[in-house]
């Protein structure tokens, strides 16, 4: 041992001895938790990564031309539909006076002879475009601009990107639905002079929540397309093709399949006809549009008691059930299978997009 090393050792021992005499604590090496807390103290207001992404994406959505155009188009379509509905209600004002939930007919009524569909038909048909517009370039847009590797750098993790984009899209869609529904309600009040009751307001809020879930399904499908396909144009075309197939051509496909599985001839019995109609209804419920339409009809029209084919035939032919108005709780019991199915489809589509994105390789 050299003289220098011996002198250094003696100085260290003397230092430890002085600390023990003075009662000073022994210095410890910083632990990972200590360093992490120190980093959080150095960066005040540190938020989870998905919230940062969601805030940034939401601001981009709200300030974009895409958001403005979609809101205006949907608002004009809704205003035309509710104006026609208000005219039809005014023509039958004497018979409609005192009817329960008259205010909700603004959203579901299509006057006879009118070429303008009801408000809920417009929403069921056009609202998926909101989800597609806000999600078709969510991932591949960042990839094409070369900003995706920067997004997944610390402290933002990879799953924060897809989570934040999905939450931001849902928030923008919710804002649009609240604005459009408020416009429709205002036009209805001005045209008819009828104020909605407390239960009517609750039914409208439930319908807005269902509409957000319904459009969230298409947002998740658009995000999945943006993950799978590298180009935004390709993902948009695929998402629009799925929308057209499940919305426009679903009835044609369902009719053909039901005719093959449960054919109905000119001499078919009542049981055979009921079997064919039941099969068509069950196959049609594979489409999100059918699920949302049924849930909308029941929650905005308290007179709808069931969607079962046999029960509807009995009510229409033999009047075995006494017509009545359902309460809000009873209407929710009618629509809960459709709502659960929409939630399950939305969660499944987002889960597939999430897993696909997490397994992809991101290159700088």
Protein backbone atom coordinates (compact mmCIF):
# COMPACT_ATOMS: atom_id res chain seq x y z
CA UNK A 1 0.00 0.00 0.00
CA UNK A 2 1.46 3.36 -1.03
CA UNK A 3 1.72 6.42 1.15
CA UNK A 4 -1.01 8.26 -0.78
CA UNK A 5 -3.53 5.45 -0.36
CA UNK A 6 -2.75 5.17 3.36
CA UNK A 7 -3.25 8.91 3.85
CA UNK A 8 -6.59 8.83 2.00
CA UNK A 9 -7.77 5.91 4.14
CA UNK A 10 -6.79 7.72 7.33
CA UNK A 11 -8.64 10.88 6.24
CA UNK A 12 -11.80 8.82 5.49
CA UNK A 13 -11.67 7.09 8.89
CA UNK A 14 -11.14 10.37 10.65
CA UNK A 15 -14.10 11.92 8.82
CA UNK A 16 -16.38 9.03 9.82
CA UNK A 17 -15.18 9.36 13.40
CA UNK A 18 -15.98 13.09 13.50
CA UNK A 19 -19.51 12.41 12.12
CA UNK A 20 -20.15 9.76 14.77
CA UNK A 21 -19.01 12.14 17.50
CA UNK A 22 -21.20 14.96 16.26
CA UNK A 23 -24.23 12.65 15.82
CA UNK A 24 -24.54 13.40 12.10
CA UNK A 25 -26.45 10.86 9.98
CA UNK A 26 -24.56 8.73 7.55
CA UNK A 27 -25.05 9.86 3.95
CA UNK A 28 -27.01 7.40 1.82
CA UNK A 29 -27.11 6.90 -1.90
CA UNK A 30 -30.23 8.27 -3.57
CA UNK A 31 -32.86 5.61 -4.24
CA UNK A 32 -34.89 5.43 -7.47
CA UNK A 33 -37.98 6.68 -5.60
CA UNK A 34 -36.02 9.67 -4.26
CA UNK A 35 -34.73 10.58 -7.69
CA UNK A 36 -38.23 10.20 -9.19
CA UNK A 37 -39.76 12.47 -6.56
CA UNK A 38 -36.96 14.94 -7.09
CA UNK A 39 -37.70 14.95 -10.80
CA UNK A 40 -41.42 15.55 -10.11
CA UNK A 41 -40.48 18.45 -7.83
CA UNK A 42 -38.33 19.94 -10.54
CA UNK A 43 -41.22 19.72 -13.06
CA UNK A 44 -44.30 21.18 -11.34
CA UNK A 45 -47.69 20.31 -12.81
CA UNK A 46 -46.48 17.07 -14.40
CA UNK A 47 -49.51 15.21 -15.80
CA UNK A 48 -49.99 11.70 -17.18
CA UNK A 49 -48.95 11.37 -20.79
CA UNK A 50 -52.39 10.51 -22.17
CA UNK A 51 -53.80 13.72 -20.72
CA UNK A 52 -51.12 15.76 -22.46
CA UNK A 53 -51.84 14.05 -25.77
CA UNK A 54 -55.61 14.40 -25.27
CA UNK A 55 -55.37 18.12 -24.52
CA UNK A 56 -53.19 18.73 -27.57
CA UNK A 57 -55.39 16.66 -29.89
CA UNK A 58 -58.61 18.18 -28.56
CA UNK A 59 -57.29 21.69 -29.22
CA UNK A 60 -56.30 20.64 -32.75
CA UNK A 61 -59.76 19.17 -33.37
CA UNK A 62 -61.70 22.15 -32.10
CA UNK A 63 -59.59 24.67 -34.01
CA UNK A 64 -59.56 22.70 -37.26
CA UNK A 65 -61.62 23.36 -40.38
CA UNK A 66 -62.74 19.74 -40.23
CA UNK A 67 -64.51 20.34 -36.92
CA UNK A 68 -66.24 23.48 -38.21
CA UNK A 69 -67.44 21.89 -41.45
CA UNK A 70 -68.80 18.76 -39.75
CA UNK A 71 -70.60 20.81 -37.11
CA UNK A 72 -72.20 23.07 -39.71
CA UNK A 73 -73.30 20.17 -41.93
CA UNK A 74 -74.75 18.20 -39.04
CA UNK A 75 -76.40 21.31 -37.62
CA UNK A 76 -78.05 22.24 -40.94
CA UNK A 77 -79.35 18.70 -41.42
CA UNK A 78 -80.69 18.64 -37.87
CA UNK A 79 -82.31 22.07 -38.23
CA UNK A 80 -84.08 21.03 -41.44
CA UNK A 81 -85.34 17.82 -39.84
CA UNK A 82 -86.65 19.49 -36.70
CA UNK A 83 -88.26 22.31 -38.70
CA UNK A 84 -90.21 19.74 -40.71
CA UNK A 85 -91.15 17.85 -37.53
CA UNK A 86 -92.38 21.05 -35.89
CA UNK A 87 -94.54 21.77 -38.91
CA UNK A 88 -96.08 18.31 -38.71
CA UNK A 89 -96.81 18.73 -35.01
CA UNK A 90 -98.45 22.12 -35.61
CA UNK A 91 -100.74 20.61 -38.25
CA UNK A 92 -102.00 18.14 -35.65
CA UNK A 93 -101.95 20.57 -32.74
CA UNK A 94 -105.47 19.81 -31.54
CA UNK A 95 -104.96 16.06 -31.34
CA UNK A 96 -101.42 16.42 -30.00
CA UNK A 97 -102.28 18.81 -27.18
CA UNK A 98 -101.67 17.17 -23.83
CA UNK A 99 -99.76 14.22 -25.29
CA UNK A 100 -96.97 12.99 -22.99
CA UNK A 101 -93.39 13.75 -24.05
CA UNK A 102 -94.62 15.88 -26.94
CA UNK A 103 -91.30 17.72 -27.02
CA UNK A 104 -89.44 14.50 -27.89
CA UNK A 105 -91.47 14.08 -31.08
CA UNK A 106 -89.31 16.84 -32.55
CA UNK A 107 -86.45 14.35 -32.69
CA UNK A 108 -88.32 11.25 -33.90
CA UNK A 109 -91.29 12.44 -36.01
CA UNK A 110 -91.24 12.42 -39.80
CA UNK A 111 -94.37 14.13 -41.15
CA UNK A 112 -96.41 12.25 -43.74
CA UNK A 113 -95.53 13.22 -47.27
CA UNK A 114 -92.32 14.97 -46.20
CA UNK A 115 -89.10 14.14 -48.03
CA UNK A 116 -86.99 15.14 -45.02
CA UNK A 117 -86.23 12.27 -42.62
CA UNK A 118 -86.37 12.62 -38.86
CA UNK A 119 -83.53 14.04 -36.78
CA UNK A 120 -82.54 10.68 -35.32
CA UNK A 121 -82.34 9.18 -38.83
CA UNK A 122 -79.88 11.89 -39.85
CA UNK A 123 -77.79 11.24 -36.75
CA UNK A 124 -77.77 7.46 -37.21
CA UNK A 125 -76.70 7.86 -40.84
CA UNK A 126 -74.31 10.83 -40.76
CA UNK A 127 -72.83 10.74 -37.25
CA UNK A 128 -70.37 7.90 -38.04
CA UNK A 129 -68.60 10.36 -40.33
CA UNK A 130 -67.60 12.30 -37.20
CA UNK A 131 -65.75 9.32 -35.78
CA UNK A 132 -64.14 8.52 -39.12
CA UNK A 133 -63.07 12.13 -39.67
CA UNK A 134 -61.42 12.41 -36.24
CA UNK A 135 -59.67 9.05 -36.33
CA UNK A 136 -58.65 8.02 -39.84
CA UNK A 137 -55.29 9.85 -39.66
CA UNK A 138 -54.69 9.60 -35.92
CA UNK A 139 -51.63 7.33 -36.09
CA UNK A 140 -50.50 7.21 -39.72
CA UNK A 141 -50.66 11.03 -39.88
CA UNK A 142 -48.08 11.24 -37.10
CA UNK A 143 -46.06 8.51 -38.78
CA UNK A 144 -46.00 10.26 -42.17
CA UNK A 145 -44.93 13.56 -40.57
CA UNK A 146 -42.18 11.83 -38.60
CA UNK A 147 -43.49 13.00 -35.21
CA UNK A 148 -44.53 9.60 -33.85
CA UNK A 149 -41.06 8.73 -32.39
CA UNK A 150 -41.06 12.07 -30.57
CA UNK A 151 -44.51 11.41 -29.10
CA UNK A 152 -43.52 8.10 -27.57
CA UNK A 153 -40.35 9.51 -25.99
CA UNK A 154 -40.14 9.86 -22.20
CA UNK A 155 -42.13 10.69 -20.16
CA UNK A 156 -44.93 9.85 -22.66
CA UNK A 157 -45.29 6.13 -23.22
CA UNK A 158 -46.57 4.39 -26.32
CA UNK A 159 -50.04 3.57 -24.96
CA UNK A 160 -50.53 7.22 -23.99
CA UNK A 161 -50.63 8.15 -27.67
CA UNK A 162 -53.56 5.95 -28.67
CA UNK A 163 -55.40 6.56 -25.40
CA UNK A 164 -55.05 10.31 -25.65
CA UNK A 165 -56.17 10.43 -29.27
CA UNK A 166 -59.26 8.33 -28.53
CA UNK A 167 -60.23 10.48 -25.53
CA UNK A 168 -59.72 13.68 -27.51
CA UNK A 169 -61.91 12.39 -30.33
CA UNK A 170 -64.69 11.44 -27.91
CA UNK A 171 -64.50 14.88 -26.27
CA UNK A 172 -64.81 16.66 -29.62
CA UNK A 173 -67.74 14.43 -30.63
CA UNK A 174 -69.48 15.15 -27.31
CA UNK A 175 -69.14 18.91 -27.87
CA UNK A 176 -70.71 18.58 -31.33
CA UNK A 177 -73.64 16.51 -30.09
CA UNK A 178 -74.37 18.88 -27.23
CA UNK A 179 -74.28 21.86 -29.60
CA UNK A 180 -76.49 20.24 -32.25
CA UNK A 181 -79.01 18.95 -29.70
CA UNK A 182 -79.20 22.40 -28.11
CA UNK A 183 -79.86 23.96 -31.51
CA UNK A 184 -82.64 21.47 -32.21
CA UNK A 185 -84.21 22.03 -28.80
CA UNK A 186 -84.07 25.82 -29.24
CA UNK A 187 -85.74 25.62 -32.65
CA UNK A 188 -88.43 23.36 -31.21
CA UNK A 189 -89.16 25.75 -28.35
CA UNK A 190 -89.38 28.72 -30.71
CA UNK A 191 -91.57 26.90 -33.22
CA UNK A 192 -93.94 25.18 -30.81
CA UNK A 193 -93.62 27.11 -27.58
CA UNK A 194 -93.31 23.83 -25.65
CA UNK A 195 -90.75 23.47 -22.91
CA UNK A 196 -89.28 20.04 -22.16
CA UNK A 197 -90.06 18.44 -18.83
CA UNK A 198 -87.44 17.07 -16.44
CA UNK A 199 -87.85 13.52 -17.75
CA UNK A 200 -87.54 14.76 -21.34
CA UNK A 201 -84.22 16.43 -20.49
CA UNK A 202 -82.95 13.24 -18.85
CA UNK A 203 -83.97 11.19 -21.89
CA UNK A 204 -82.11 13.61 -24.15
CA UNK A 205 -78.98 13.37 -22.00
CA UNK A 206 -79.16 9.58 -22.11
CA UNK A 207 -79.56 9.74 -25.88
CA UNK A 208 -76.49 12.01 -26.18
CA UNK A 209 -74.47 9.49 -24.16
CA UNK A 210 -75.64 6.65 -26.44
CA UNK A 211 -74.79 8.72 -29.52
CA UNK A 212 -71.27 9.35 -28.22
CA UNK A 213 -70.81 5.62 -27.63
CA UNK A 214 -72.15 4.87 -31.11
CA UNK A 215 -69.82 7.35 -32.80
CA UNK A 216 -67.00 6.20 -30.52
CA UNK A 217 -67.27 2.80 -32.19
CA UNK A 218 -66.55 4.38 -35.56
CA UNK A 219 -63.76 6.44 -34.03
CA UNK A 220 -62.16 3.23 -32.74
CA UNK A 221 -62.55 1.57 -36.15
CA UNK A 222 -60.97 4.60 -37.83
CA UNK A 223 -58.07 4.50 -35.35
CA UNK A 224 -57.63 0.80 -36.09
CA UNK A 225 -57.48 1.58 -39.81
CA UNK A 226 -54.92 4.33 -39.17
CA UNK A 227 -52.78 1.84 -37.24
CA UNK A 228 -52.99 -0.95 -39.83
CA UNK A 229 -52.57 1.15 -42.97
CA UNK A 230 -49.63 3.45 -43.54
CA UNK A 231 -51.46 6.05 -45.65
CA UNK A 232 -54.28 8.23 -44.36
CA UNK A 233 -56.19 8.04 -47.66
CA UNK A 234 -56.25 4.24 -47.51
CA UNK A 235 -57.48 4.16 -43.92
CA UNK A 236 -60.20 6.71 -44.74
CA UNK A 237 -61.41 4.66 -47.72
CA UNK A 238 -61.50 1.46 -45.67
CA UNK A 239 -63.41 3.10 -42.83
CA UNK A 240 -65.93 4.66 -45.22
CA UNK A 241 -66.38 1.33 -47.01
CA UNK A 242 -67.17 -0.40 -43.70
CA UNK A 243 -69.60 2.40 -42.85
CA UNK A 244 -71.44 2.06 -46.18
CA UNK A 245 -71.58 -1.72 -45.86
CA UNK A 246 -73.01 -1.70 -42.34
CA UNK A 247 -75.35 1.24 -42.95
CA UNK A 248 -76.65 1.17 -46.52
CA UNK A 249 -76.21 -2.40 -47.69
CA UNK A 250 -76.86 -4.19 -44.40
CA UNK A 251 -80.62 -4.50 -45.02
CA UNK A 252 -80.05 -6.03 -48.46
CA UNK A 253 -77.51 -8.55 -47.17
CA UNK A 254 -79.73 -9.45 -44.19
CA UNK A 255 -82.72 -10.06 -46.45
CA UNK A 256 -80.72 -12.34 -48.75
CA UNK A 257 -79.23 -14.37 -45.89
CA UNK A 258 -82.58 -14.72 -44.12
CA UNK A 259 -84.23 -15.84 -47.37
CA UNK A 260 -81.64 -18.60 -47.74
CA UNK A 261 -81.69 -19.83 -44.12
CA UNK A 262 -85.44 -19.44 -43.47
CA UNK A 263 -87.14 -19.16 -46.87
CA UNK A 264 -90.70 -17.88 -47.10
CA UNK A 265 -92.89 -18.97 -49.98
CA UNK A 266 -96.28 -17.67 -51.06
CA UNK A 267 -97.94 -20.44 -49.07
CA UNK A 268 -95.82 -20.02 -45.94
CA UNK A 269 -97.45 -20.41 -42.56
CA UNK A 270 -97.50 -17.77 -39.85
CA UNK A 271 -94.76 -19.58 -37.93
CA UNK A 272 -92.51 -19.60 -40.99
CA UNK A 273 -93.07 -15.90 -41.57
CA UNK A 274 -92.34 -15.13 -37.93
CA UNK A 275 -89.17 -17.24 -38.09
CA UNK A 276 -88.01 -15.32 -41.16
CA UNK A 277 -88.72 -11.93 -39.58
CA UNK A 278 -87.03 -12.92 -36.33
CA UNK A 279 -83.93 -14.07 -38.21
CA UNK A 280 -83.84 -10.82 -40.16
CA UNK A 281 -84.07 -8.82 -36.94
CA UNK A 282 -81.30 -10.78 -35.23
CA UNK A 283 -79.01 -10.49 -38.26
CA UNK A 284 -79.74 -6.78 -38.58
CA UNK A 285 -78.63 -6.28 -34.98
CA UNK A 286 -75.12 -7.19 -36.05
CA UNK A 287 -75.01 -3.68 -37.50
CA UNK A 288 -74.27 -0.84 -35.04
CA UNK A 289 -76.73 1.33 -36.95
CA UNK A 290 -79.62 -1.03 -36.12
CA UNK A 291 -78.64 -1.19 -32.44
CA UNK A 292 -78.43 2.58 -32.16
CA UNK A 293 -81.71 3.08 -34.03
CA UNK A 294 -83.60 0.74 -31.73
CA UNK A 295 -82.11 2.28 -28.59
CA UNK A 296 -82.94 5.77 -29.88
CA UNK A 297 -86.53 4.90 -30.67
CA UNK A 298 -87.14 3.46 -27.21
CA UNK A 299 -85.48 6.20 -25.19
CA UNK A 300 -87.04 9.10 -27.16
CA UNK A 301 -90.46 7.47 -27.63
CA UNK A 302 -91.90 6.29 -24.29
CA UNK A 303 -94.74 4.45 -26.04
CA UNK A 304 -92.40 1.75 -27.41
CA UNK A 305 -92.70 -1.27 -25.16
CA UNK A 306 -90.68 -3.93 -26.98
CA UNK A 307 -88.86 -4.84 -30.19
CA UNK A 308 -89.83 -8.51 -30.14
CA UNK A 309 -91.49 -9.55 -33.40
CA UNK A 310 -94.02 -11.87 -31.76
CA UNK A 311 -95.08 -9.26 -29.21
CA UNK A 312 -95.45 -6.61 -31.91
CA UNK A 313 -97.61 -8.90 -34.02
CA UNK A 314 -99.82 -9.65 -31.04
CA UNK A 315 -100.22 -5.97 -30.20
CA UNK A 316 -100.94 -5.05 -33.80
CA UNK A 317 -103.45 -7.80 -34.57
CA UNK A 318 -105.24 -8.81 -31.39
CA UNK A 319 -104.43 -5.88 -29.09
CA UNK A 320 -103.51 -8.20 -26.23
CA UNK A 321 -101.34 -5.55 -24.60
CA UNK A 322 -102.82 -2.31 -23.36
CA UNK A 323 -101.04 0.69 -24.95
CA UNK A 324 -99.36 2.82 -22.30
CA UNK A 325 -96.49 5.20 -21.74
CA UNK A 326 -93.38 3.71 -20.15
CA UNK A 327 -91.44 5.44 -17.43
CA UNK A 328 -87.76 6.22 -17.83
CA UNK A 329 -86.72 3.15 -15.83
CA UNK A 330 -88.90 0.88 -17.96
CA UNK A 331 -87.52 2.38 -21.18
CA UNK A 332 -83.99 1.73 -19.93
CA UNK A 333 -84.93 -1.91 -19.34
CA UNK A 334 -86.07 -2.12 -22.96
CA UNK A 335 -82.86 -0.70 -24.43
CA UNK A 336 -80.21 -2.16 -22.12
CA UNK A 337 -79.31 -5.07 -24.50
CA UNK A 338 -78.69 -2.63 -27.35
CA UNK A 339 -76.66 -0.28 -25.17
CA UNK A 340 -74.54 -3.10 -23.75
CA UNK A 341 -73.91 -4.41 -27.27
CA UNK A 342 -72.78 -0.94 -28.45
CA UNK A 343 -70.44 -0.59 -25.47
CA UNK A 344 -69.00 -4.06 -26.10
CA UNK A 345 -68.43 -3.36 -29.80
CA UNK A 346 -66.76 -0.02 -29.04
CA UNK A 347 -64.51 -1.55 -26.38
CA UNK A 348 -63.57 -4.44 -28.68
CA UNK A 349 -62.69 -2.16 -31.59
CA UNK A 350 -60.56 0.06 -29.38
CA UNK A 351 -58.85 -2.94 -27.77
CA UNK A 352 -57.90 -4.30 -31.19
CA UNK A 353 -56.52 -0.90 -32.23
CA UNK A 354 -54.63 -0.64 -28.93
CA UNK A 355 -53.01 -4.07 -29.23
CA UNK A 356 -52.14 -3.54 -32.90
CA UNK A 357 -50.45 -0.22 -32.12
CA UNK A 358 -48.53 -1.61 -29.14
CA UNK A 359 -47.11 -4.42 -31.28
CA UNK A 360 -45.98 -2.17 -34.11
CA UNK A 361 -42.40 -1.11 -34.52
CA UNK A 362 -41.81 2.63 -34.41
CA UNK A 363 -38.63 3.80 -36.06
CA UNK A 364 -37.07 7.17 -35.61
